[in-house]
Amino acid sequence: MANDRRCRCRTVRTTPAQPAAAAVPTTPEPPVRRWPHPVEGVEAARETDSALYYIRCALSYQNQLLAEIKTLLQELVERERNGMER
């Protein structure tokens, strides 16, 4: 572009694009492992499912108890505050 008094534009020089050599991976990808179907060892998974179910139930019961304890403690604090204000 020519240099014009009004816009003062400059010429822009571009460099040629580099070849796509960086797109080639430098390390080979690991081989893909496929699991046989149907999956063997389903019986072992069922045993752990029952153990996990037991643990889930126990944790749920414990969470319920903790929620009740929290509610009771909050009620005690409110009663204590109301008793001190009198």
Protein backbone atom coordinates (compact mmCIF):
# COMPACT_ATOMS: atom_id res chain seq x y z
CA MET A 1 0.00 0.00 0.00
CA ALA A 2 1.11 3.47 -0.68
CA ASN A 3 1.62 5.88 2.15
CA ASP A 4 -1.31 8.28 2.02
CA ARG A 5 -1.43 11.55 3.95
CA ARG A 6 -4.90 10.87 5.31
CA CYS A 7 -4.69 7.32 6.66
CA ARG A 8 -0.93 6.77 7.09
CA CYS A 9 -1.19 3.09 6.25
CA ARG A 10 1.84 0.83 6.17
CA THR A 11 2.49 -2.27 4.17
CA VAL A 12 2.24 -5.52 6.07
CA ARG A 13 4.69 -8.24 5.25
CA THR A 14 3.75 -11.79 6.03
CA THR A 15 6.07 -14.73 6.40
CA PRO A 16 5.31 -17.92 4.51
CA ALA A 17 3.46 -20.55 6.52
CA GLN A 18 5.59 -23.25 8.09
CA PRO A 19 4.97 -26.83 7.00
CA ALA A 20 2.73 -28.90 9.27
CA ALA A 21 5.63 -30.89 10.71
CA ALA A 22 4.50 -30.13 14.27
CA ALA A 23 1.22 -32.00 13.69
CA VAL A 24 3.06 -35.34 13.50
CA PRO A 25 3.29 -36.87 17.02
CA THR A 26 6.82 -37.39 18.26
CA THR A 27 5.91 -40.40 20.43
CA PRO A 28 3.84 -43.33 19.21
CA GLU A 29 0.41 -43.86 20.75
CA PRO A 30 0.00 -46.90 23.01
CA PRO A 31 -1.89 -49.87 21.59
CA VAL A 32 -5.63 -49.93 22.18
CA ARG A 33 -6.75 -52.63 24.58
CA ARG A 34 -10.20 -54.05 24.10
CA TRP A 35 -12.06 -55.96 26.79
CA PRO A 36 -13.60 -59.32 25.86
CA HIS A 37 -17.39 -59.39 25.76
CA PRO A 38 -19.20 -60.54 27.77
CA VAL A 39 -17.09 -59.35 30.69
CA GLU A 40 -15.82 -62.18 32.84
CA GLY A 41 -15.88 -61.92 36.63
CA VAL A 42 -19.39 -60.51 37.04
CA GLU A 43 -19.89 -62.66 40.13
CA ALA A 44 -17.13 -60.81 41.99
CA ALA A 45 -18.75 -57.49 41.10
CA ARG A 46 -22.08 -58.64 42.54
CA GLU A 47 -20.39 -59.50 45.85
CA THR A 48 -18.90 -56.04 46.11
CA ASP A 49 -22.25 -54.50 45.16
CA SER A 50 -23.87 -56.03 48.26
CA ALA A 51 -21.01 -54.78 50.43
CA LEU A 52 -21.32 -51.30 48.94
CA TYR A 53 -25.08 -51.38 49.50
CA TYR A 54 -24.53 -52.20 53.18
CA ILE A 55 -22.02 -49.36 53.53
CA ARG A 56 -24.37 -46.94 51.75
CA CYS A 57 -27.22 -47.84 54.12
CA ALA A 58 -25.01 -47.47 57.19
CA LEU A 59 -23.79 -44.06 56.05
CA SER A 60 -27.32 -42.93 55.29
CA TYR A 61 -28.46 -43.94 58.79
CA GLN A 62 -25.47 -42.18 60.32
CA ASN A 63 -26.26 -39.00 58.36
CA GLN A 64 -29.84 -39.09 59.64
CA LEU A 65 -28.60 -39.38 63.22
CA LEU A 66 -26.16 -36.52 62.75
CA ALA A 67 -28.91 -34.33 61.32
CA GLU A 68 -31.11 -35.05 64.36
CA ILE A 69 -28.23 -34.29 66.74
CA LYS A 70 -27.59 -31.00 64.93
CA THR A 71 -31.25 -30.02 65.21
CA LEU A 72 -31.33 -30.83 68.93
CA LEU A 73 -28.14 -28.85 69.56
CA GLN A 74 -29.55 -25.86 67.68
CA GLU A 75 -32.72 -26.03 69.81
CA LEU A 76 -30.64 -26.13 73.00
CA VAL A 77 -28.66 -23.07 71.90
CA GLU A 78 -31.88 -21.16 71.13
CA ARG A 79 -33.37 -22.09 74.52
CA GLU A 80 -30.18 -21.01 76.27
CA ARG A 81 -30.16 -17.66 74.43
CA ASN A 82 -33.82 -17.05 75.26
CA GLY A 83 -33.18 -17.94 78.92
CA MET A 84 -30.25 -15.49 79.17
CA GLU A 85 -32.23 -12.63 77.63
CA ARG A 86 -34.84 -12.74 80.38
